[in-house]
Amino acid sequence: MTVLELLLLLIIAGVCGASGKAIAGYFPGGFLASIGVGFVGALLGTWIARAVGLPELFSVNVGGTPFPIIWSILGSALFVALIGLVTGRLFHRRSYV
């Protein structure tokens, strides 16, 4: 895997993580946190999909490494929601009104 392929994989994971964070609600952190949430979401989403017997819906191959887009977004949303439940805090944006 080249540096360009790794960078592309990080960008895809960041976009998937940011999408999952947007679905579940606001979660603190910037793009690096979105990258981490995207990778964790890909692992969690793929694991749940395989356990239930669902097929891989949309996957992007980057340098021979498949990255599941749909399962990453859904897994990210589930991961952020679980973090919100465990910490007992709701992550909302501040209102400056």
Protein backbone atom coordinates (compact mmCIF):
# COMPACT_ATOMS: atom_id res chain seq x y z
CA MET A 1 0.00 0.00 0.00
CA THR A 2 1.46 3.32 -1.03
CA VAL A 3 1.27 6.58 0.90
CA LEU A 4 -1.35 7.92 -1.52
CA GLU A 5 -3.55 4.85 -1.03
CA LEU A 6 -3.22 5.16 2.75
CA LEU A 7 -4.16 8.83 2.58
CA LEU A 8 -7.18 8.00 0.42
CA LEU A 9 -8.24 5.30 2.89
CA LEU A 10 -7.95 7.77 5.78
CA ILE A 11 -10.07 10.33 3.92
CA ILE A 12 -12.76 7.73 3.15
CA ALA A 13 -12.80 6.59 6.80
CA GLY A 14 -13.04 10.21 7.93
CA VAL A 15 -16.01 10.94 5.69
CA CYS A 16 -17.76 7.75 6.82
CA GLY A 17 -17.05 8.56 10.47
CA ALA A 18 -18.32 12.12 10.08
CA SER A 19 -21.48 10.81 8.42
CA GLY A 20 -22.03 8.35 11.26
CA LYS A 21 -21.47 11.10 13.83
CA ALA A 22 -24.01 13.28 12.03
CA ILE A 23 -26.60 10.50 12.05
CA ALA A 24 -26.18 9.71 15.75
CA GLY A 25 -25.88 13.31 16.85
CA TYR A 26 -23.05 15.66 17.63
CA PHE A 27 -19.86 14.09 18.95
CA PRO A 28 -16.87 16.19 20.02
CA GLY A 29 -13.71 15.97 18.00
CA GLY A 30 -12.45 16.98 14.63
CA PHE A 31 -11.47 15.08 11.53
CA LEU A 32 -8.98 12.83 13.35
CA ALA A 33 -11.77 11.69 15.67
CA SER A 34 -13.94 11.06 12.61
CA ILE A 35 -11.21 8.89 11.10
CA GLY A 36 -11.03 6.81 14.29
CA VAL A 37 -14.81 6.54 14.51
CA GLY A 38 -14.91 5.54 10.82
CA PHE A 39 -12.45 2.69 11.30
CA VAL A 40 -14.16 1.46 14.48
CA GLY A 41 -17.49 1.75 12.68
CA ALA A 42 -16.17 -0.33 9.78
CA LEU A 43 -15.08 -3.07 12.17
CA LEU A 44 -18.29 -2.97 14.22
CA GLY A 45 -20.61 -2.69 11.21
CA THR A 46 -18.93 -5.50 9.30
CA TRP A 47 -18.94 -7.74 12.36
CA ILE A 48 -22.67 -7.17 12.96
CA ALA A 49 -23.49 -7.65 9.27
CA ARG A 50 -21.62 -10.96 9.15
CA ALA A 51 -23.22 -12.14 12.41
CA VAL A 52 -26.70 -11.44 11.04
CA GLY A 53 -25.84 -12.82 7.60
CA LEU A 54 -26.20 -9.62 5.59
CA PRO A 55 -24.20 -9.12 2.39
CA GLU A 56 -21.59 -6.44 1.88
CA LEU A 57 -23.57 -3.67 0.21
CA PHE A 58 -21.03 -1.13 -1.01
CA SER A 59 -17.29 -1.57 -0.69
CA VAL A 60 -14.38 0.44 -2.07
CA ASN A 61 -11.06 -1.28 -2.80
CA VAL A 62 -8.08 0.91 -1.98
CA GLY A 63 -4.75 -0.75 -2.60
CA GLY A 64 -6.29 -4.21 -2.46
CA THR A 65 -7.94 -3.46 0.89
CA PRO A 66 -11.76 -3.45 0.81
CA PHE A 67 -13.43 -0.75 2.91
CA PRO A 68 -17.18 -1.22 3.53
CA ILE A 69 -18.80 2.21 3.14
CA ILE A 70 -22.38 1.44 4.24
CA TRP A 71 -21.38 -0.74 7.19
CA SER A 72 -18.82 1.84 8.27
CA ILE A 73 -21.44 4.61 8.38
CA LEU A 74 -23.98 2.45 10.23
CA GLY A 75 -21.34 1.08 12.59
CA SER A 76 -20.08 4.61 13.29
CA ALA A 77 -23.58 5.82 14.14
CA LEU A 78 -24.06 2.84 16.46
CA PHE A 79 -20.65 3.37 18.07
CA VAL A 80 -21.31 7.07 18.73
CA ALA A 81 -24.75 6.27 20.14
CA LEU A 82 -23.25 3.62 22.45
CA ILE A 83 -20.61 6.08 23.68
CA GLY A 84 -23.37 8.59 24.39
CA LEU A 85 -25.32 5.99 26.38
CA VAL A 86 -22.31 4.78 28.36
CA THR A 87 -21.10 8.24 29.30
CA GLY A 88 -24.62 9.41 30.05
CA ARG A 89 -24.03 12.67 28.27
CA LEU A 90 -25.85 13.97 25.28
CA PHE A 91 -23.57 15.67 22.82
CA HIS A 92 -25.28 18.75 21.51
CA ARG A 93 -23.88 21.80 19.88
CA ARG A 94 -23.89 24.94 21.93
CA SER A 95 -26.52 27.47 21.14
CA TYR A 96 -25.20 31.00 21.00
CA VAL A 97 -28.60 32.69 20.93
